[in-house]
Amino acid sequence: MTTRQPDPAPGAAPERGFVLGVFGKGVDGEEELAELRELARTAGVVPVAELAQHRDRPDPRTFVGKGKLGELKTGYAESEAEVLLVDEELTPTQQRTLEDALKARVVDRTQLILDIFAQHATSAEGKLQVEVAQLEYNLPRMRGLWQHLERLGGGVGTRGPGESQLETDRRIARTRVSLLKRRLRALGEQRAVRRKERKRSAAPTIALAGYTNVGKSTLLNALTGARAAVDDRLFKTLDPTTRSFEFAGKRYLVTDTVGFIRRLPTQLVEGFASTLEETLVADLVLHVADGSLPEDRLRETIDAVRAVLGGIGADDVPIELVLNKADRLDPLARRRLRNAFPRALQVSAVTGEGLDALKSRIAELFSDRFEDVRLLVPYAEGRALADLYALGAPIAERRDTPEGVRVRARLPRREIARFARFLVAGELDAEVSAR
């Protein structure tokens, strides 16, 4: 068992936590526990002690081995911890066994992450998503409020149909989940309308995705000049934030999304499906990673993000790897990183290093998606002209003529078909040849 000095914290004293992990052979338990400690601090818990065990698989009843359970009980009591934090999603049986053995509150990894999400959710949609995830996590773990009663009733005059308090609690929870999901569907439809409006814009859409706390929000601010909230804590960004920037005369929309983590709880992936869809509908995903991490850890975080993106079907969207925090690297580390990830761009959202190269890469990727066109829009078709302006497409020239309005514009190729009947054939080619 390892004892740790609690971090000093201003204000009210935070909870004291005891960190526990069971790891297979060959797994770096310290690295896993380090991430759990960081999750704990983000949730407002100070890790004061920890215990790790290496075994093929957790015990189905006690989680740790029966011999290790005695060591855990002693260590937990000596640490004066207030909560046991477990680096795994426990079964209801394992959680009850540990609670009974330690006479303590037990919080597993999933519950801890859900708590962090609950603290950081700010929008109505984010709060609903977290509540749904928490309810679905708790459903199989409900033990009832009146466990000493097997049935409601049970005496003379009370026999007959009835349900246990546990069944009542579960029924209420399921009803609540159904209600919240209906609300989420309505909010999701509103989000879809907003996305549709963005897609009608000529501006390409870019989603920032990546492991939690890699600097996505800082990169969003650096690219767009926005002031999205930035905090050096896990899962600070839950609600998507969209901003825009211009480069070489073109406008781009950038959306920051929720951060990922290894073993991201299924409940959260499902609960935040509409939020994660921002990556599905983007024209490009910038996969932001922390380039200052050791290479093996960096690859683990990259793989974790790719797994989630693949799980929601976003691997069909073009993805570019961006290695952030280059300001923390010495020349040798930068060279090693280039050798390991030759196509990735190294940037620093803090100093601005590499941002012009990143913008150039983005512009290059979208360069073949636009085309210069000439249109002749009759005055009776004014609606088409309004649609053209609604796209936000760059208008190089507009001229009123007896036949209608002549326009020279740069349109996304996907939108040209909408204006096909107004295209002036041959004029653009002739002008280019004349030059």
Protein backbone atom coordinates (compact mmCIF):
# COMPACT_ATOMS: atom_id res chain seq x y z
CA MET A 1 0.00 0.00 0.00
CA THR A 2 1.20 3.51 -0.83
CA THR A 3 0.36 6.54 1.30
CA ARG A 4 0.29 9.95 -0.34
CA GLN A 5 0.46 13.43 1.10
CA PRO A 6 -2.84 15.18 0.32
CA ASP A 7 -2.59 18.17 -1.98
CA PRO A 8 -3.23 21.48 -0.25
CA ALA A 9 -6.62 22.86 -1.27
CA PRO A 10 -8.12 26.27 -0.57
CA GLY A 11 -11.53 26.66 1.04
CA ALA A 12 -13.51 23.72 2.33
CA ALA A 13 -11.54 20.56 2.96
CA PRO A 14 -11.98 18.11 0.05
CA GLU A 15 -12.86 14.47 0.56
CA ARG A 16 -10.04 12.07 1.28
CA GLY A 17 -9.92 9.19 -1.18
CA PHE A 18 -8.30 5.75 -1.16
CA VAL A 19 -7.40 4.57 -4.68
CA LEU A 20 -7.65 0.88 -5.59
CA GLY A 21 -6.79 -0.99 -8.78
CA VAL A 22 -6.57 -4.58 -9.98
CA PHE A 23 -4.45 -5.07 -13.10
CA GLY A 24 -3.54 -7.95 -15.36
CA LYS A 25 0.02 -9.09 -15.68
CA GLY A 26 2.10 -6.79 -17.86
CA VAL A 27 -0.20 -3.81 -17.29
CA ASP A 28 1.40 -0.62 -15.97
CA GLY A 29 -0.69 -0.23 -12.84
CA GLU A 30 1.01 3.01 -11.81
CA GLU A 31 0.02 4.69 -15.06
CA GLU A 32 -3.57 3.53 -14.66
CA LEU A 33 -3.70 4.72 -11.05
CA ALA A 34 -2.15 8.06 -12.03
CA GLU A 35 -5.09 8.68 -14.35
CA LEU A 36 -7.54 7.66 -11.62
CA ARG A 37 -5.85 10.06 -9.20
CA GLU A 38 -6.26 12.85 -11.75
CA LEU A 39 -9.93 11.96 -12.15
CA ALA A 40 -10.29 12.04 -8.37
CA ARG A 41 -8.75 15.51 -8.11
CA THR A 42 -11.01 16.76 -10.87
CA ALA A 43 -14.00 15.48 -8.88
CA GLY A 44 -12.78 17.25 -5.74
CA VAL A 45 -11.28 14.23 -3.96
CA VAL A 46 -7.71 14.19 -2.62
CA PRO A 47 -6.02 10.76 -2.98
CA VAL A 48 -4.32 9.96 0.34
CA ALA A 49 -3.43 6.28 -0.18
CA GLU A 50 -3.57 3.58 -2.82
CA LEU A 51 -3.36 -0.15 -3.27
CA ALA A 52 -2.71 -2.14 -6.44
CA GLN A 53 -2.95 -5.87 -7.09
CA HIS A 54 -1.83 -7.83 -10.15
CA ARG A 55 -3.95 -10.87 -10.97
CA ASP A 56 -5.43 -12.46 -14.07
CA ARG A 57 -8.90 -11.03 -13.41
CA PRO A 58 -10.77 -9.33 -10.56
CA ASP A 59 -12.49 -11.63 -8.09
CA PRO A 60 -16.19 -11.82 -9.09
CA ARG A 61 -17.30 -11.18 -5.50
CA THR A 62 -14.60 -9.26 -3.63
CA PHE A 63 -12.87 -7.59 -6.64
CA VAL A 64 -9.45 -8.00 -4.97
CA GLY A 65 -8.31 -11.43 -3.85
CA LYS A 66 -9.64 -12.56 -0.48
CA GLY A 67 -6.18 -12.27 1.07
CA LYS A 68 -5.77 -8.77 -0.32
CA LEU A 69 -9.13 -7.78 1.11
CA GLY A 70 -7.71 -7.89 4.65
CA GLU A 71 -4.82 -5.64 3.63
CA LEU A 72 -7.30 -3.27 2.01
CA LYS A 73 -9.45 -3.08 5.16
CA THR A 74 -6.43 -2.28 7.32
CA GLY A 75 -4.98 0.25 4.89
CA TYR A 76 -8.30 1.99 4.38
CA ALA A 77 -8.84 2.38 8.12
CA GLU A 78 -5.32 3.71 8.70
CA SER A 79 -5.61 6.23 5.86
CA GLU A 80 -8.71 7.84 7.39
CA ALA A 81 -10.13 8.02 3.87
CA GLU A 82 -13.78 8.91 3.34
CA VAL A 83 -14.35 7.15 0.03
CA LEU A 84 -12.86 4.18 -1.85
CA LEU A 85 -12.19 4.89 -5.55
CA VAL A 86 -11.87 1.81 -7.76
CA ASP A 87 -10.22 1.89 -11.21
CA GLU A 88 -12.81 -0.39 -12.80
CA GLU A 89 -16.56 -0.58 -13.27
CA LEU A 90 -17.71 -2.82 -10.44
CA THR A 91 -20.55 -5.29 -10.60
CA PRO A 92 -23.35 -4.67 -8.06
CA THR A 93 -22.09 -7.70 -6.09
CA GLN A 94 -18.51 -6.43 -5.95
CA GLN A 95 -19.65 -2.98 -4.87
CA ARG A 96 -21.87 -4.33 -2.08
CA THR A 97 -19.12 -6.65 -0.86
CA LEU A 98 -16.57 -3.85 -0.65
CA GLU A 99 -19.04 -1.50 1.02
CA ASP A 100 -19.94 -4.12 3.62
CA ALA A 101 -16.30 -5.09 4.25
CA LEU A 102 -15.00 -1.53 4.62
CA LYS A 103 -18.17 0.07 6.00
CA ALA A 104 -17.39 2.79 3.50
CA ARG A 105 -18.72 4.48 0.42
CA VAL A 106 -17.36 2.88 -2.75
CA VAL A 107 -17.19 4.76 -6.06
CA ASP A 108 -16.02 2.96 -9.19
CA ARG A 109 -14.40 4.50 -12.27
CA THR A 110 -17.65 4.89 -14.19
CA GLN A 111 -19.43 6.53 -11.27
CA LEU A 112 -16.50 8.90 -10.77
CA ILE A 113 -16.50 10.00 -14.41
CA LEU A 114 -20.28 10.45 -14.31
CA ASP A 115 -19.85 12.67 -11.25
CA ILE A 116 -17.29 14.81 -13.07
CA PHE A 117 -19.62 15.15 -16.06
CA ALA A 118 -22.44 16.17 -13.70
CA GLN A 119 -20.23 18.91 -12.23
CA HIS A 120 -19.21 20.29 -15.62
CA ALA A 121 -22.46 20.08 -17.61
CA THR A 122 -23.80 23.59 -18.19
CA SER A 123 -26.33 23.39 -21.02
CA ALA A 124 -29.82 21.90 -20.67
CA GLU A 125 -28.86 19.15 -23.11
CA GLY A 126 -25.63 18.34 -21.28
CA LYS A 127 -27.43 18.06 -17.94
CA LEU A 128 -30.09 15.78 -19.40
CA GLN A 129 -27.43 13.58 -21.02
CA VAL A 130 -25.61 13.19 -17.71
CA GLU A 131 -28.80 12.40 -15.80
CA VAL A 132 -29.75 9.70 -18.30
CA ALA A 133 -26.29 8.15 -18.04
CA GLN A 134 -26.41 8.21 -14.23
CA LEU A 135 -29.87 6.64 -14.09
CA GLU A 136 -28.91 3.87 -16.51
CA TYR A 137 -25.76 3.20 -14.50
CA ASN A 138 -27.70 3.07 -11.23
CA LEU A 139 -30.62 0.93 -12.43
CA PRO A 140 -28.95 -2.46 -11.85
CA ARG A 141 -27.40 -1.17 -8.61
CA MET A 142 -30.56 -0.10 -6.84
CA ARG A 143 -30.91 -1.88 -3.52
CA GLY A 144 -34.19 -0.30 -2.48
CA LEU A 145 -34.86 2.17 0.28
CA TRP A 146 -36.63 -0.34 2.53
CA GLN A 147 -34.57 -3.51 2.23
CA HIS A 148 -35.94 -4.89 5.49
CA LEU A 149 -39.34 -5.35 3.76
CA GLU A 150 -39.55 -8.12 1.21
CA ARG A 151 -42.92 -6.91 -0.05
CA LEU A 152 -45.16 -3.90 0.29
CA GLY A 153 -47.79 -5.27 2.69
CA GLY A 154 -47.48 -8.91 3.59
CA GLY A 155 -50.01 -9.15 6.47
CA VAL A 156 -53.71 -9.87 6.72
CA GLY A 157 -55.63 -7.75 4.28
CA THR A 158 -52.53 -6.85 2.27
CA ARG A 159 -51.96 -10.02 0.29
CA GLY A 160 -52.31 -9.87 -3.45
CA PRO A 161 -50.65 -7.97 -6.27
CA GLY A 162 -47.89 -5.73 -5.13
CA GLU A 163 -44.31 -4.90 -5.89
CA SER A 164 -41.15 -4.63 -3.90
CA GLN A 165 -39.81 -1.17 -3.19
CA LEU A 166 -36.84 -2.06 -5.39
CA GLU A 167 -39.19 -2.75 -8.30
CA THR A 168 -40.98 0.54 -7.61
CA ASP A 169 -37.71 2.46 -7.62
CA ARG A 170 -36.63 0.83 -10.87
CA ARG A 171 -39.98 1.51 -12.51
CA ILE A 172 -39.79 5.19 -11.53
CA ALA A 173 -36.20 5.39 -12.81
CA ARG A 174 -37.11 3.76 -16.16
CA THR A 175 -40.03 6.16 -16.57
CA ARG A 176 -37.71 9.07 -15.87
CA VAL A 177 -35.17 7.76 -18.40
CA SER A 178 -37.89 7.50 -21.07
CA LEU A 179 -39.02 11.06 -20.36
CA LEU A 180 -35.47 12.44 -20.48
CA LYS A 181 -34.71 10.61 -23.72
CA ARG A 182 -37.79 12.17 -25.31
CA ARG A 183 -36.54 15.59 -24.25
CA LEU A 184 -33.09 14.77 -25.60
CA ARG A 185 -34.56 13.71 -28.93
CA ALA A 186 -36.32 17.07 -29.16
CA LEU A 187 -33.09 18.92 -28.34
CA GLY A 188 -31.25 16.68 -30.80
CA GLU A 189 -33.70 17.70 -33.52
CA GLN A 190 -33.01 21.36 -32.72
CA ARG A 191 -29.27 20.65 -32.91
CA ALA A 192 -29.80 18.92 -36.26
CA VAL A 193 -31.57 22.03 -37.58
CA ARG A 194 -28.63 24.20 -36.48
CA ARG A 195 -26.21 21.75 -38.10
CA LYS A 196 -28.25 21.85 -41.30
CA GLU A 197 -28.01 25.64 -41.32
CA ARG A 198 -24.25 25.39 -40.87
CA LYS A 199 -24.03 22.86 -43.71
CA ARG A 200 -25.94 25.29 -45.94
CA SER A 201 -23.12 27.73 -45.33
CA ALA A 202 -20.25 27.68 -47.76
CA ALA A 203 -17.88 27.42 -44.81
CA PRO A 204 -16.37 23.94 -44.28
CA THR A 205 -16.99 22.44 -40.84
CA ILE A 206 -14.16 21.11 -38.67
CA ALA A 207 -14.55 19.14 -35.43
CA LEU A 208 -11.86 19.01 -32.76
CA ALA A 209 -11.71 15.57 -31.14
CA GLY A 210 -9.20 14.10 -28.74
CA TYR A 211 -8.36 12.70 -25.35
CA THR A 212 -9.47 14.80 -22.43
CA ASN A 213 -7.18 17.65 -21.35
CA VAL A 214 -5.04 17.74 -24.51
CA GLY A 215 -5.76 21.42 -25.15
CA LYS A 216 -8.66 21.31 -27.62
CA SER A 217 -10.36 24.38 -26.14
CA THR A 218 -7.06 26.27 -26.13
CA LEU A 219 -6.54 25.31 -29.78
CA LEU A 220 -10.08 26.45 -30.61
CA ASN A 221 -9.30 29.82 -29.06
CA ALA A 222 -5.93 30.05 -30.82
CA LEU A 223 -7.42 29.26 -34.24
CA THR A 224 -10.49 31.47 -33.97
CA GLY A 225 -9.58 34.18 -31.47
CA ALA A 226 -12.52 33.04 -29.34
CA ARG A 227 -12.58 32.91 -25.56
CA ALA A 228 -14.02 29.48 -24.86
CA ALA A 229 -13.53 28.37 -21.25
CA VAL A 230 -10.13 26.76 -20.68
CA ASP A 231 -9.23 24.80 -17.56
CA ASP A 232 -6.43 22.35 -16.82
CA ARG A 233 -8.90 19.74 -15.60
CA LEU A 234 -10.36 16.63 -17.17
CA PHE A 235 -13.66 16.89 -19.06
CA LYS A 236 -13.94 20.66 -18.75
CA THR A 237 -15.68 20.83 -22.14
CA LEU A 238 -18.93 18.86 -22.38
CA ASP A 239 -21.10 21.11 -24.52
CA PRO A 240 -20.01 21.65 -28.15
CA THR A 241 -18.74 25.14 -28.92
CA THR A 242 -18.61 26.37 -32.53
CA ARG A 243 -16.52 29.34 -33.65
CA SER A 244 -15.14 30.50 -37.01
CA PHE A 245 -11.88 31.73 -38.49
CA GLU A 246 -10.75 33.05 -41.86
CA PHE A 247 -7.63 32.08 -43.74
CA ALA A 248 -6.59 33.09 -47.25
CA GLY A 249 -9.98 34.68 -47.83
CA LYS A 250 -12.00 31.63 -46.80
CA ARG A 251 -14.13 31.05 -43.71
CA TYR A 252 -14.09 27.84 -41.65
CA LEU A 253 -16.31 26.68 -38.77
CA VAL A 254 -14.61 24.85 -35.88
CA THR A 255 -16.43 22.88 -33.17
CA ASP A 256 -14.85 21.77 -29.89
CA THR A 257 -16.29 18.47 -28.60
CA VAL A 258 -16.27 16.44 -25.40
CA GLY A 259 -12.94 14.83 -24.53
CA PHE A 260 -12.43 11.07 -24.58
CA ILE A 261 -10.68 8.77 -22.14
CA ARG A 262 -9.68 5.13 -21.98
CA ARG A 263 -12.66 2.96 -21.10
CA LEU A 264 -15.09 5.83 -21.55
CA PRO A 265 -18.29 4.54 -19.91
CA THR A 266 -20.78 3.09 -22.38
CA GLN A 267 -23.53 5.09 -20.71
CA LEU A 268 -21.72 8.31 -21.62
CA VAL A 269 -21.00 7.31 -25.21
CA GLU A 270 -24.72 6.56 -25.63
CA GLY A 271 -25.90 9.53 -23.57
CA PHE A 272 -23.72 12.00 -25.46
CA ALA A 273 -24.48 10.49 -28.87
CA SER A 274 -26.03 13.70 -30.21
CA THR A 275 -23.00 15.68 -29.03
CA LEU A 276 -20.57 13.20 -30.54
CA GLU A 277 -22.49 13.44 -33.82
CA GLU A 278 -20.71 16.76 -34.35
CA THR A 279 -17.75 14.67 -35.51
CA LEU A 280 -19.97 12.60 -37.82
CA VAL A 281 -21.30 15.58 -39.75
CA ALA A 282 -18.03 17.50 -39.94
CA ASP A 283 -16.15 17.83 -43.21
CA LEU A 284 -12.90 17.24 -41.32
CA VAL A 285 -11.91 15.98 -37.86
CA LEU A 286 -8.76 17.34 -36.24
CA HIS A 287 -7.65 14.63 -33.82
CA VAL A 288 -5.77 16.63 -31.19
CA ALA A 289 -3.27 14.72 -29.04
CA ASP A 290 -0.80 15.72 -26.31
CA GLY A 291 2.57 15.55 -28.04
CA SER A 292 4.42 16.02 -24.74
CA LEU A 293 3.40 12.57 -23.47
CA PRO A 294 5.80 9.61 -23.59
CA GLU A 295 5.35 7.83 -26.92
CA ASP A 296 3.72 4.69 -25.51
CA ARG A 297 1.23 6.75 -23.51
CA LEU A 298 0.61 9.01 -26.51
CA ARG A 299 -0.21 6.00 -28.69
CA GLU A 300 -2.60 4.69 -26.03
CA THR A 301 -4.55 7.94 -25.97
CA ILE A 302 -4.62 8.08 -29.77
CA ASP A 303 -5.92 4.50 -29.92
CA ALA A 304 -8.57 5.27 -27.28
CA VAL A 305 -9.89 8.20 -29.32
CA ARG A 306 -9.83 6.22 -32.57
CA ALA A 307 -11.81 3.44 -30.87
CA VAL A 308 -14.57 5.86 -29.84
CA LEU A 309 -14.62 7.56 -33.25
CA GLY A 310 -14.84 4.17 -34.92
CA GLY A 311 -17.61 3.12 -32.54
CA ILE A 312 -19.83 6.04 -33.56
CA GLY A 313 -19.00 5.72 -37.26
CA ALA A 314 -16.86 8.86 -37.48
CA ASP A 315 -13.91 6.99 -38.97
CA ASP A 316 -15.50 7.65 -42.38
CA VAL A 317 -14.76 11.37 -41.95
CA PRO A 318 -11.28 12.60 -43.01
CA ILE A 319 -9.10 12.77 -39.87
CA GLU A 320 -5.87 14.72 -39.42
CA LEU A 321 -3.64 14.14 -36.38
CA VAL A 322 -2.47 17.32 -34.60
CA LEU A 323 0.15 16.99 -31.85
CA ASN A 324 -0.36 19.86 -29.41
CA LYS A 325 1.90 21.20 -26.64
CA ALA A 326 5.00 21.37 -28.86
CA ASP A 327 6.27 24.18 -26.61
CA ARG A 328 7.06 21.52 -23.99
CA LEU A 329 9.35 19.55 -26.32
CA ASP A 330 13.10 19.85 -26.81
CA PRO A 331 14.61 19.45 -30.32
CA LEU A 332 15.36 15.74 -29.81
CA ALA A 333 11.81 15.00 -28.67
CA ARG A 334 10.41 16.88 -31.67
CA ARG A 335 12.57 14.85 -34.04
CA ARG A 336 11.46 11.59 -32.44
CA LEU A 337 7.85 12.67 -32.71
CA ARG A 338 8.26 13.47 -36.42
CA ASN A 339 9.75 10.03 -37.01
CA ALA A 340 6.94 8.32 -35.09
CA PHE A 341 4.11 10.37 -36.66
CA PRO A 342 5.48 11.72 -39.96
CA ARG A 343 2.20 13.19 -41.26
CA ALA A 344 1.10 14.77 -37.97
CA LEU A 345 1.51 18.50 -37.44
CA GLN A 346 3.24 19.70 -34.27
CA VAL A 347 1.64 22.83 -32.84
CA SER A 348 1.43 24.82 -29.65
CA ALA A 349 -1.95 26.36 -28.94
CA VAL A 350 -0.27 28.39 -26.17
CA THR A 351 2.54 30.03 -28.18
CA GLY A 352 0.92 29.88 -31.62
CA GLU A 353 3.73 27.77 -33.06
CA GLY A 354 2.61 25.73 -36.06
CA LEU A 355 -0.84 27.32 -36.34
CA ASP A 356 -0.17 28.85 -39.77
CA ALA A 357 1.02 25.46 -41.00
CA LEU A 358 -2.15 23.90 -39.59
CA LYS A 359 -4.35 26.47 -41.32
CA SER A 360 -2.47 25.89 -44.57
CA ARG A 361 -3.02 22.13 -44.25
CA ILE A 362 -6.73 22.74 -43.67
CA ALA A 363 -6.94 25.04 -46.70
CA GLU A 364 -5.11 22.47 -48.82
CA LEU A 365 -7.52 19.71 -47.78
CA PHE A 366 -10.51 21.82 -48.81
CA SER A 367 -9.00 23.39 -51.92
CA ASP A 368 -10.59 20.92 -54.34
CA ARG A 369 -14.04 21.21 -52.75
CA PHE A 370 -14.77 24.68 -54.20
CA GLU A 371 -15.25 26.01 -57.70
CA ASP A 372 -15.48 29.49 -59.19
CA VAL A 373 -18.76 29.90 -61.09
CA ARG A 374 -20.65 32.60 -62.99
CA LEU A 375 -24.40 32.84 -62.55
CA LEU A 376 -27.16 34.78 -64.28
CA VAL A 377 -30.13 35.01 -61.92
CA PRO A 378 -33.34 36.45 -63.44
CA TYR A 379 -35.00 39.15 -61.35
CA ALA A 380 -38.02 36.90 -60.92
CA GLU A 381 -35.76 34.34 -59.19
CA GLY A 382 -34.73 36.60 -56.34
CA ARG A 383 -35.11 33.72 -53.88
CA ALA A 384 -32.14 31.96 -55.51
CA LEU A 385 -30.02 35.05 -54.99
CA ALA A 386 -31.03 35.13 -51.32
CA ASP A 387 -30.05 31.45 -51.02
CA LEU A 388 -26.67 32.26 -52.54
CA TYR A 389 -26.00 34.97 -49.97
CA ALA A 390 -27.27 32.71 -47.17
CA LEU A 391 -24.49 30.28 -48.05
CA GLY A 392 -21.93 32.87 -47.09
CA ALA A 393 -20.06 32.17 -50.32
CA PRO A 394 -17.44 34.76 -51.34
CA ILE A 395 -19.00 37.01 -54.01
CA ALA A 396 -16.25 38.35 -56.25
CA GLU A 397 -18.58 40.32 -58.53
CA ARG A 398 -22.26 41.31 -58.78
CA ARG A 399 -23.70 43.26 -61.70
CA ASP A 400 -27.28 44.17 -62.64
CA THR A 401 -28.06 43.62 -66.33
CA PRO A 402 -31.27 43.71 -68.41
CA GLU A 403 -31.47 39.90 -68.24
CA GLY A 404 -30.94 39.67 -64.48
CA VAL A 405 -28.21 39.74 -61.85
CA ARG A 406 -24.82 38.48 -62.98
CA VAL A 407 -22.74 37.01 -60.14
CA ARG A 408 -19.25 35.58 -59.93
CA ALA A 409 -18.86 33.46 -56.77
CA ARG A 410 -16.86 30.64 -55.24
CA LEU A 411 -19.20 27.79 -54.27
CA PRO A 412 -18.72 24.44 -52.54
CA ARG A 413 -18.96 21.76 -55.21
CA ARG A 414 -21.75 20.06 -53.23
CA GLU A 415 -23.92 23.19 -53.63
CA ILE A 416 -23.40 23.88 -57.34
CA ALA A 417 -26.27 21.58 -58.38
CA ARG A 418 -28.72 23.85 -56.53
CA PHE A 419 -27.83 26.70 -58.89
CA ALA A 420 -27.25 24.65 -62.05
CA ARG A 421 -30.05 26.35 -64.03
CA PHE A 422 -28.39 29.73 -63.48
CA LEU A 423 -24.88 28.72 -64.56
CA VAL A 424 -23.47 30.71 -67.46
CA ALA A 425 -21.62 28.09 -69.50
CA GLY A 426 -18.29 28.91 -71.08
CA GLU A 427 -17.79 32.43 -69.75
CA LEU A 428 -15.50 31.44 -66.91
CA ASP A 429 -13.41 29.20 -69.17
CA ALA A 430 -13.11 31.96 -71.75
CA GLU A 431 -12.03 34.47 -69.12
CA VAL A 432 -9.40 32.09 -67.73
CA SER A 433 -8.05 31.45 -71.26
CA ALA A 434 -7.87 35.19 -71.94
CA ARG A 435 -5.65 35.65 -68.91
